[in-house]
Amino acid sequence: MTSGVNSSNVDTAVPKYLTTLLDDLDQTWGGWFGELGWGDPAPGRVLIESGTSFATECIDEDGASNRIPSDEANASFCGVDEEPNGDGQETEGSIVLPVDTFAAIWDGNVFGVPSPIVGDFTAAIVVAHEYGHNVVFRMAEAFGIPERRLPQGKNSELIADCLASNWAATAYQRDALGAKEILQVATLLPIIGDTGGAMGHGSATERARALTIGLTGPQFNRQGQPVDCLQRYWPEFFEVG
């Protein structure tokens, strides 16, 4: 599952790689949802091509533009954007990926912050994080979970990190990722971690813990499972009523 991205092919290789990642995530999480009879978790997909923008329903502040440009320094999941999934079916709840921003990752620019070490897994874990939000959304939808029982505070982001690492663990087992790729996270964490947890994503230490639990379980002795992430970051899921 390598991107093959280089300076001469970013226009085609980056969208192709993002699509490959989404296909793999659909297959991995679709298998788990299918085993449990929870339906199809595949989200809508938006790859904002270079020089274009996307109108999202998740931005509705007065006077604010709801258009996301292709170089927006963020990736996102929007529960109300209805776009085609990987099979072309219109699906409420979509992952939005700005292609120019992802292309910059291979040049050492991770969402506007310089990084000395980057590679395919840096992009992959960001996409998998957004897919983690989608997994929570689909589970809440399947069980009719009200907003008050969704992951609260920083846990809403840390569970997405943990679920992203669940996927990474399966990719590692399939030899789709190697130890070198997973070590990229050590460089990525200081970049994506909030200073003092100020922005609600969690500090680098908190995000490292979430990613590790997703990879190796809470005791660091086996492949992480989705239930590990639910127990640690979504205890409200197990509440009754």
C-alpha atoms as a PDB file:
ATOM      1  CA  MET A   1       0.000   0.000   0.000  1.00  0.00           C
ATOM      2  CA  THR A   2       2.647   2.470  -1.123  1.00  0.00           C
ATOM      3  CA  SER A   3       1.840   5.805  -2.719  1.00  0.00           C
ATOM      4  CA  GLY A   4       4.625   6.161  -5.254  1.00  0.00           C
ATOM      5  CA  VAL A   5       4.281   9.937  -4.817  1.00  0.00           C
ATOM      6  CA  ASN A   6       7.118  12.034  -6.198  1.00  0.00           C
ATOM      7  CA  SER A   7       7.545  15.598  -7.427  1.00  0.00           C
ATOM      8  CA  SER A   8       6.554  14.701 -10.984  1.00  0.00           C
ATOM      9  CA  ASN A   9       3.300  12.851 -10.319  1.00  0.00           C
ATOM     10  CA  VAL A  10       1.618  14.499  -7.319  1.00  0.00           C
ATOM     11  CA  ASP A  11      -1.430  15.523  -9.354  1.00  0.00           C
ATOM     12  CA  THR A  12      -2.374  11.924 -10.066  1.00  0.00           C
ATOM     13  CA  ALA A  13      -0.562   9.875  -7.412  1.00  0.00           C
ATOM     14  CA  VAL A  14      -1.944  11.700  -4.363  1.00  0.00           C
ATOM     15  CA  PRO A  15      -5.656  11.315  -5.254  1.00  0.00           C
ATOM     16  CA  LYS A  16      -4.998   7.690  -6.233  1.00  0.00           C
ATOM     17  CA  TYR A  17      -3.313   6.981  -2.900  1.00  0.00           C
ATOM     18  CA  LEU A  18      -6.073   8.671  -0.898  1.00  0.00           C
ATOM     19  CA  THR A  19      -8.623   6.575  -2.782  1.00  0.00           C
ATOM     20  CA  THR A  20      -6.614   3.414  -2.075  1.00  0.00           C
ATOM     21  CA  LEU A  21      -6.555   4.273   1.625  1.00  0.00           C
ATOM     22  CA  LEU A  22     -10.308   4.855   1.714  1.00  0.00           C
ATOM     23  CA  ASP A  23     -10.910   1.577  -0.132  1.00  0.00           C
ATOM     24  CA  ASP A  24      -8.793  -0.277   2.429  1.00  0.00           C
ATOM     25  CA  LEU A  25     -10.524   1.419   5.349  1.00  0.00           C
ATOM     26  CA  ASP A  26     -13.931   0.568   3.867  1.00  0.00           C
ATOM     27  CA  GLN A  27     -12.910  -3.072   3.535  1.00  0.00           C
ATOM     28  CA  THR A  28     -11.404  -3.319   7.020  1.00  0.00           C
ATOM     29  CA  TRP A  29     -14.195  -1.581   8.926  1.00  0.00           C
ATOM     30  CA  GLY A  30     -16.847  -3.034   6.623  1.00  0.00           C
ATOM     31  CA  GLY A  31     -15.738  -6.523   7.636  1.00  0.00           C
ATOM     32  CA  TRP A  32     -16.095  -5.707  11.334  1.00  0.00           C
ATOM     33  CA  PHE A  33     -19.470  -4.013  10.920  1.00  0.00           C
ATOM     34  CA  GLY A  34     -20.664  -6.878   8.738  1.00  0.00           C
ATOM     35  CA  GLU A  35     -19.698  -9.504  11.326  1.00  0.00           C
ATOM     36  CA  LEU A  36     -21.736  -7.645  13.942  1.00  0.00           C
ATOM     37  CA  GLY A  37     -24.703  -6.915  11.678  1.00  0.00           C
ATOM     38  CA  TRP A  38     -24.290  -3.150  11.935  1.00  0.00           C
ATOM     39  CA  GLY A  39     -24.650  -2.340   8.231  1.00  0.00           C
ATOM     40  CA  ASP A  40     -22.199  -0.666   5.887  1.00  0.00           C
ATOM     41  CA  PRO A  41     -19.910   1.975   7.448  1.00  0.00           C
ATOM     42  CA  ALA A  42     -18.577   3.338   4.151  1.00  0.00           C
ATOM     43  CA  PRO A  43     -18.740   7.170   4.222  1.00  0.00           C
ATOM     44  CA  GLY A  44     -19.208   9.607   1.409  1.00  0.00           C
ATOM     45  CA  ARG A  45     -15.934  10.777  -0.094  1.00  0.00           C
ATOM     46  CA  VAL A  46     -14.791  14.240  -1.069  1.00  0.00           C
ATOM     47  CA  LEU A  47     -11.342  14.695  -2.588  1.00  0.00           C
ATOM     48  CA  ILE A  48     -11.018  18.419  -3.181  1.00  0.00           C
ATOM     49  CA  GLU A  49      -8.981  18.588  -6.378  1.00  0.00           C
ATOM     50  CA  SER A  50      -6.238  21.139  -6.848  1.00  0.00           C
ATOM     51  CA  GLY A  51      -7.549  24.636  -7.452  1.00  0.00           C
ATOM     52  CA  THR A  52     -11.150  23.770  -6.537  1.00  0.00           C
ATOM     53  CA  SER A  53     -13.234  24.037  -3.363  1.00  0.00           C
ATOM     54  CA  PHE A  54     -16.058  22.138  -1.688  1.00  0.00           C
ATOM     55  CA  ALA A  55     -19.197  23.568  -0.073  1.00  0.00           C
ATOM     56  CA  THR A  56     -19.757  21.793   3.240  1.00  0.00           C
ATOM     57  CA  GLU A  57     -22.910  21.830   5.318  1.00  0.00           C
ATOM     58  CA  CYS A  58     -20.797  21.699   8.496  1.00  0.00           C
ATOM     59  CA  ILE A  59     -19.915  25.393   8.276  1.00  0.00           C
ATOM     60  CA  ASP A  60     -22.958  27.584   8.855  1.00  0.00           C
ATOM     61  CA  GLU A  61     -21.686  30.537  10.877  1.00  0.00           C
ATOM     62  CA  ASP A  62     -23.133  33.895   9.863  1.00  0.00           C
ATOM     63  CA  GLY A  63     -20.901  35.575   7.331  1.00  0.00           C
ATOM     64  CA  ALA A  64     -18.466  32.664   7.086  1.00  0.00           C
ATOM     65  CA  SER A  65     -17.787  30.957   3.777  1.00  0.00           C
ATOM     66  CA  ASN A  66     -18.742  27.306   3.779  1.00  0.00           C
ATOM     67  CA  ARG A  67     -16.315  26.520   0.956  1.00  0.00           C
ATOM     68  CA  ILE A  68     -13.234  24.448   1.787  1.00  0.00           C
ATOM     69  CA  PRO A  69     -10.301  25.034  -0.601  1.00  0.00           C
ATOM     70  CA  SER A  70      -7.944  22.329  -1.853  1.00  0.00           C
ATOM     71  CA  ASP A  71      -5.147  23.729   0.321  1.00  0.00           C
ATOM     72  CA  GLU A  72      -7.172  23.906   3.556  1.00  0.00           C
ATOM     73  CA  ALA A  73      -4.816  22.955   6.417  1.00  0.00           C
ATOM     74  CA  ASN A  74      -7.208  20.361   7.765  1.00  0.00           C
ATOM     75  CA  ALA A  75      -9.005  17.153   6.871  1.00  0.00           C
ATOM     76  CA  SER A  76     -12.473  16.544   8.233  1.00  0.00           C
ATOM     77  CA  PHE A  77     -15.519  14.352   8.641  1.00  0.00           C
ATOM     78  CA  CYS A  78     -18.921  16.001   8.283  1.00  0.00           C
ATOM     79  CA  GLY A  79     -21.970  14.078   9.431  1.00  0.00           C
ATOM     80  CA  VAL A  80     -24.405  16.049   7.287  1.00  0.00           C
ATOM     81  CA  ASP A  81     -22.525  16.276   3.975  1.00  0.00           C
ATOM     82  CA  GLU A  82     -24.160  13.811   1.579  1.00  0.00           C
ATOM     83  CA  GLU A  83     -21.724  12.582  -1.084  1.00  0.00           C
ATOM     84  CA  PRO A  84     -21.053   9.355  -3.044  1.00  0.00           C
ATOM     85  CA  ASN A  85     -19.261   6.568  -1.183  1.00  0.00           C
ATOM     86  CA  GLY A  86     -16.733   4.233  -2.795  1.00  0.00           C
ATOM     87  CA  ASP A  87     -19.534   2.424  -4.640  1.00  0.00           C
ATOM     88  CA  GLY A  88     -21.019   5.668  -5.925  1.00  0.00           C
ATOM     89  CA  GLN A  89     -23.988   5.611  -3.537  1.00  0.00           C
ATOM     90  CA  GLU A  90     -25.040   8.944  -2.024  1.00  0.00           C
ATOM     91  CA  THR A  91     -24.257   8.679   1.685  1.00  0.00           C
ATOM     92  CA  GLU A  92     -24.943  11.047   4.544  1.00  0.00           C
ATOM     93  CA  GLY A  93     -21.718  11.589   6.473  1.00  0.00           C
ATOM     94  CA  SER A  94     -18.608  12.234   4.382  1.00  0.00           C
ATOM     95  CA  ILE A  95     -14.830  12.421   4.728  1.00  0.00           C
ATOM     96  CA  VAL A  96     -13.396  15.599   3.195  1.00  0.00           C
ATOM     97  CA  LEU A  97      -9.742  15.533   2.063  1.00  0.00           C
ATOM     98  CA  PRO A  98      -8.057  18.609   0.488  1.00  0.00           C
ATOM     99  CA  VAL A  99      -5.677  17.170  -2.116  1.00  0.00           C
ATOM    100  CA  ASP A 100      -3.148  20.039  -2.221  1.00  0.00           C
ATOM    101  CA  THR A 101      -2.728  19.845   1.554  1.00  0.00           C
ATOM    102  CA  PHE A 102      -2.032  16.130   1.374  1.00  0.00           C
ATOM    103  CA  ALA A 103       0.378  16.590  -1.540  1.00  0.00           C
ATOM    104  CA  ALA A 104       2.412  18.967   0.633  1.00  0.00           C
ATOM    105  CA  ILE A 105       2.963  16.202   3.212  1.00  0.00           C
ATOM    106  CA  TRP A 106       5.551  14.526   0.986  1.00  0.00           C
ATOM    107  CA  ASP A 107       7.421  17.851   0.883  1.00  0.00           C
ATOM    108  CA  GLY A 108       7.635  17.935   4.675  1.00  0.00           C
ATOM    109  CA  ASN A 109       4.681  20.269   5.218  1.00  0.00           C
ATOM    110  CA  VAL A 110       2.146  18.565   7.505  1.00  0.00           C
ATOM    111  CA  PHE A 111      -0.938  20.776   7.708  1.00  0.00           C
ATOM    112  CA  GLY A 112       1.162  23.904   7.644  1.00  0.00           C
ATOM    113  CA  VAL A 113       3.844  22.683  10.074  1.00  0.00           C
ATOM    114  CA  PRO A 114       7.357  21.627   8.902  1.00  0.00           C
ATOM    115  CA  SER A 115       8.235  17.990   9.590  1.00  0.00           C
ATOM    116  CA  PRO A 116      11.695  16.427   9.168  1.00  0.00           C
ATOM    117  CA  ILE A 117      10.298  12.937   8.519  1.00  0.00           C
ATOM    118  CA  VAL A 118       7.279  12.236   6.371  1.00  0.00           C
ATOM    119  CA  GLY A 119       6.041   9.419   4.216  1.00  0.00           C
ATOM    120  CA  ASP A 120       3.030   7.446   3.140  1.00  0.00           C
ATOM    121  CA  PHE A 121       1.976   6.535   6.674  1.00  0.00           C
ATOM    122  CA  THR A 122       1.806  10.177   7.731  1.00  0.00           C
ATOM    123  CA  ALA A 123      -0.937  10.711   5.178  1.00  0.00           C
ATOM    124  CA  ALA A 124      -2.497   7.334   5.955  1.00  0.00           C
ATOM    125  CA  ILE A 125      -2.924   7.936   9.684  1.00  0.00           C
ATOM    126  CA  VAL A 126      -4.581  11.314   9.042  1.00  0.00           C
ATOM    127  CA  VAL A 127      -7.111   9.681   6.706  1.00  0.00           C
ATOM    128  CA  ALA A 128      -7.617   6.815   9.169  1.00  0.00           C
ATOM    129  CA  HIS A 129      -8.257   9.358  11.957  1.00  0.00           C
ATOM    130  CA  GLU A 130     -11.070  10.949   9.961  1.00  0.00           C
ATOM    131  CA  TYR A 131     -12.421   7.485   9.258  1.00  0.00           C
ATOM    132  CA  GLY A 132     -12.399   6.918  13.014  1.00  0.00           C
ATOM    133  CA  HIS A 133     -14.856   9.801  13.355  1.00  0.00           C
ATOM    134  CA  ASN A 134     -16.953   8.087  10.715  1.00  0.00           C
ATOM    135  CA  VAL A 135     -16.904   4.811  12.681  1.00  0.00           C
ATOM    136  CA  VAL A 136     -18.233   6.601  15.767  1.00  0.00           C
ATOM    137  CA  PHE A 137     -20.898   8.302  13.636  1.00  0.00           C
ATOM    138  CA  ARG A 138     -22.039   4.983  12.102  1.00  0.00           C
ATOM    139  CA  MET A 139     -22.147   3.237  15.482  1.00  0.00           C
ATOM    140  CA  ALA A 140     -24.176   6.052  17.006  1.00  0.00           C
ATOM    141  CA  GLU A 141     -26.511   5.853  14.014  1.00  0.00           C
ATOM    142  CA  ALA A 142     -26.843   2.052  14.244  1.00  0.00           C
ATOM    143  CA  PHE A 143     -27.692   2.134  17.961  1.00  0.00           C
ATOM    144  CA  GLY A 144     -29.673   5.370  18.058  1.00  0.00           C
ATOM    145  CA  ILE A 145     -27.229   6.886  20.547  1.00  0.00           C
ATOM    146  CA  PRO A 146     -28.145  10.457  21.537  1.00  0.00           C
ATOM    147  CA  GLU A 147     -25.607  13.276  21.518  1.00  0.00           C
ATOM    148  CA  ARG A 148     -25.270  13.233  25.314  1.00  0.00           C
ATOM    149  CA  ARG A 149     -23.864   9.689  25.081  1.00  0.00           C
ATOM    150  CA  LEU A 150     -21.280  10.414  22.389  1.00  0.00           C
ATOM    151  CA  PRO A 151     -17.578  10.618  23.324  1.00  0.00           C
ATOM    152  CA  GLN A 152     -17.099  13.773  25.363  1.00  0.00           C
ATOM    153  CA  GLY A 153     -14.401  16.468  25.248  1.00  0.00           C
ATOM    154  CA  LYS A 154     -10.980  15.358  24.065  1.00  0.00           C
ATOM    155  CA  ASN A 155     -12.230  11.774  23.945  1.00  0.00           C
ATOM    156  CA  SER A 156     -14.115  12.641  20.755  1.00  0.00           C
ATOM    157  CA  GLU A 157     -10.722  13.097  19.049  1.00  0.00           C
ATOM    158  CA  LEU A 158      -8.683  10.549  20.993  1.00  0.00           C
ATOM    159  CA  ILE A 159     -11.076   7.744  20.064  1.00  0.00           C
ATOM    160  CA  ALA A 160     -10.531   8.635  16.407  1.00  0.00           C
ATOM    161  CA  ASP A 161      -6.766   8.279  16.983  1.00  0.00           C
ATOM    162  CA  CYS A 162      -7.304   4.937  18.709  1.00  0.00           C
ATOM    163  CA  LEU A 163      -9.581   3.590  15.975  1.00  0.00           C
ATOM    164  CA  ALA A 164      -7.102   4.801  13.340  1.00  0.00           C
ATOM    165  CA  SER A 165      -4.469   2.631  15.014  1.00  0.00           C
ATOM    166  CA  ASN A 166      -6.855  -0.342  15.048  1.00  0.00           C
ATOM    167  CA  TRP A 167      -6.830  -0.092  11.284  1.00  0.00           C
ATOM    168  CA  ALA A 168      -3.043   0.406  11.216  1.00  0.00           C
ATOM    169  CA  ALA A 169      -2.609  -2.774  13.284  1.00  0.00           C
ATOM    170  CA  THR A 170      -4.562  -4.779  10.716  1.00  0.00           C
ATOM    171  CA  ALA A 171      -2.523  -3.223   7.889  1.00  0.00           C
ATOM    172  CA  TYR A 172       0.675  -4.167   9.726  1.00  0.00           C
ATOM    173  CA  GLN A 173      -0.547  -7.750  10.105  1.00  0.00           C
ATOM    174  CA  ARG A 174      -1.242  -7.859   6.368  1.00  0.00           C
ATOM    175  CA  ASP A 175       2.265  -6.516   5.638  1.00  0.00           C
ATOM    176  CA  ALA A 176       0.673  -3.443   4.086  1.00  0.00           C
ATOM    177  CA  LEU A 177       2.638  -1.330   6.567  1.00  0.00           C
ATOM    178  CA  GLY A 178       5.985  -1.935   8.219  1.00  0.00           C
ATOM    179  CA  ALA A 179       7.623  -0.889  11.478  1.00  0.00           C
ATOM    180  CA  LYS A 180       9.382   1.995   9.696  1.00  0.00           C
ATOM    181  CA  GLU A 181       6.040   3.473   8.654  1.00  0.00           C
ATOM    182  CA  ILE A 182       4.567   3.169  12.126  1.00  0.00           C
ATOM    183  CA  LEU A 183       7.602   4.950  13.585  1.00  0.00           C
ATOM    184  CA  GLN A 184       6.618   7.997  11.539  1.00  0.00           C
ATOM    185  CA  VAL A 185       3.970   8.609  14.184  1.00  0.00           C
ATOM    186  CA  ALA A 186       6.701   9.507  16.678  1.00  0.00           C
ATOM    187  CA  THR A 187       7.591  12.447  14.463  1.00  0.00           C
ATOM    188  CA  LEU A 188       3.983  13.261  13.658  1.00  0.00           C
ATOM    189  CA  LEU A 189       2.730  13.491  17.246  1.00  0.00           C
ATOM    190  CA  PRO A 190       4.443  16.757  18.286  1.00  0.00           C
ATOM    191  CA  ILE A 191       2.943  18.320  15.172  1.00  0.00           C
ATOM    192  CA  ILE A 192      -0.632  17.125  15.605  1.00  0.00           C
ATOM    193  CA  GLY A 193      -0.750  17.304  19.421  1.00  0.00           C
ATOM    194  CA  ASP A 194      -2.385  20.349  20.998  1.00  0.00           C
ATOM    195  CA  THR A 195      -0.230  22.551  23.180  1.00  0.00           C
ATOM    196  CA  GLY A 196      -1.659  21.889  26.620  1.00  0.00           C
ATOM    197  CA  GLY A 197      -4.641  20.181  25.006  1.00  0.00           C
ATOM    198  CA  ALA A 198      -5.937  23.632  24.151  1.00  0.00           C
ATOM    199  CA  MET A 199      -7.744  22.732  20.925  1.00  0.00           C
ATOM    200  CA  GLY A 200      -9.499  19.602  22.144  1.00  0.00           C
ATOM    201  CA  HIS A 201      -7.465  17.002  20.245  1.00  0.00           C
ATOM    202  CA  GLY A 202      -5.308  16.049  23.210  1.00  0.00           C
ATOM    203  CA  SER A 203      -1.629  16.616  23.915  1.00  0.00           C
ATOM    204  CA  ALA A 204       1.110  14.700  22.108  1.00  0.00           C
ATOM    205  CA  THR A 205       1.327  12.368  25.110  1.00  0.00           C
ATOM    206  CA  GLU A 206      -2.419  11.742  25.171  1.00  0.00           C
ATOM    207  CA  ARG A 207      -2.503  11.104  21.442  1.00  0.00           C
ATOM    208  CA  ALA A 208       0.491   8.766  21.703  1.00  0.00           C
ATOM    209  CA  ARG A 209      -1.383   6.767  24.343  1.00  0.00           C
ATOM    210  CA  ALA A 210      -4.505   6.565  22.173  1.00  0.00           C
ATOM    211  CA  LEU A 211      -2.538   5.448  19.122  1.00  0.00           C
ATOM    212  CA  THR A 212      -0.644   2.872  21.180  1.00  0.00           C
ATOM    213  CA  ILE A 213      -3.811   1.413  22.695  1.00  0.00           C
ATOM    214  CA  GLY A 214      -5.217   1.080  19.191  1.00  0.00           C
ATOM    215  CA  LEU A 215      -2.097  -0.725  18.013  1.00  0.00           C
ATOM    216  CA  THR A 216      -1.260  -2.991  20.944  1.00  0.00           C
ATOM    217  CA  GLY A 217      -4.180  -2.969  23.391  1.00  0.00           C
ATOM    218  CA  PRO A 218      -4.201  -1.348  26.863  1.00  0.00           C
ATOM    219  CA  GLN A 219      -1.527  -3.739  28.175  1.00  0.00           C
ATOM    220  CA  PHE A 220       0.676  -3.344  25.076  1.00  0.00           C
ATOM    221  CA  ASN A 221       0.783  -7.124  24.604  1.00  0.00           C
ATOM    222  CA  ARG A 222      -1.431  -7.879  21.604  1.00  0.00           C
ATOM    223  CA  GLN A 223      -3.076  -6.354  18.539  1.00  0.00           C
ATOM    224  CA  GLY A 224      -5.449  -3.614  19.595  1.00  0.00           C
ATOM    225  CA  GLN A 225      -9.182  -4.122  19.144  1.00  0.00           C
ATOM    226  CA  PRO A 226     -12.036  -1.619  18.685  1.00  0.00           C
ATOM    227  CA  VAL A 227     -13.427  -2.568  22.103  1.00  0.00           C
ATOM    228  CA  ASP A 228     -10.193  -1.306  23.695  1.00  0.00           C
ATOM    229  CA  CYS A 229     -10.857   2.107  22.197  1.00  0.00           C
ATOM    230  CA  LEU A 230     -14.521   2.066  23.210  1.00  0.00           C
ATOM    231  CA  GLN A 231     -13.776   1.165  26.814  1.00  0.00           C
ATOM    232  CA  ARG A 232     -11.110   3.834  27.183  1.00  0.00           C
ATOM    233  CA  TYR A 233     -12.553   6.727  25.180  1.00  0.00           C
ATOM    234  CA  TRP A 234     -16.272   6.045  24.813  1.00  0.00           C
ATOM    235  CA  PRO A 235     -17.555   4.650  28.127  1.00  0.00           C
ATOM    236  CA  GLU A 236     -20.907   6.318  27.396  1.00  0.00           C
ATOM    237  CA  PHE A 237     -21.431   3.734  24.627  1.00  0.00           C
ATOM    238  CA  PHE A 238     -22.013   1.057  27.269  1.00  0.00           C
ATOM    239  CA  GLU A 239     -24.539   3.072  29.269  1.00  0.00           C
ATOM    240  CA  VAL A 240     -28.168   2.000  29.173  1.00  0.00           C
ATOM    241  CA  GLY A 241     -30.866   4.492  28.276  1.00  0.00           C
END
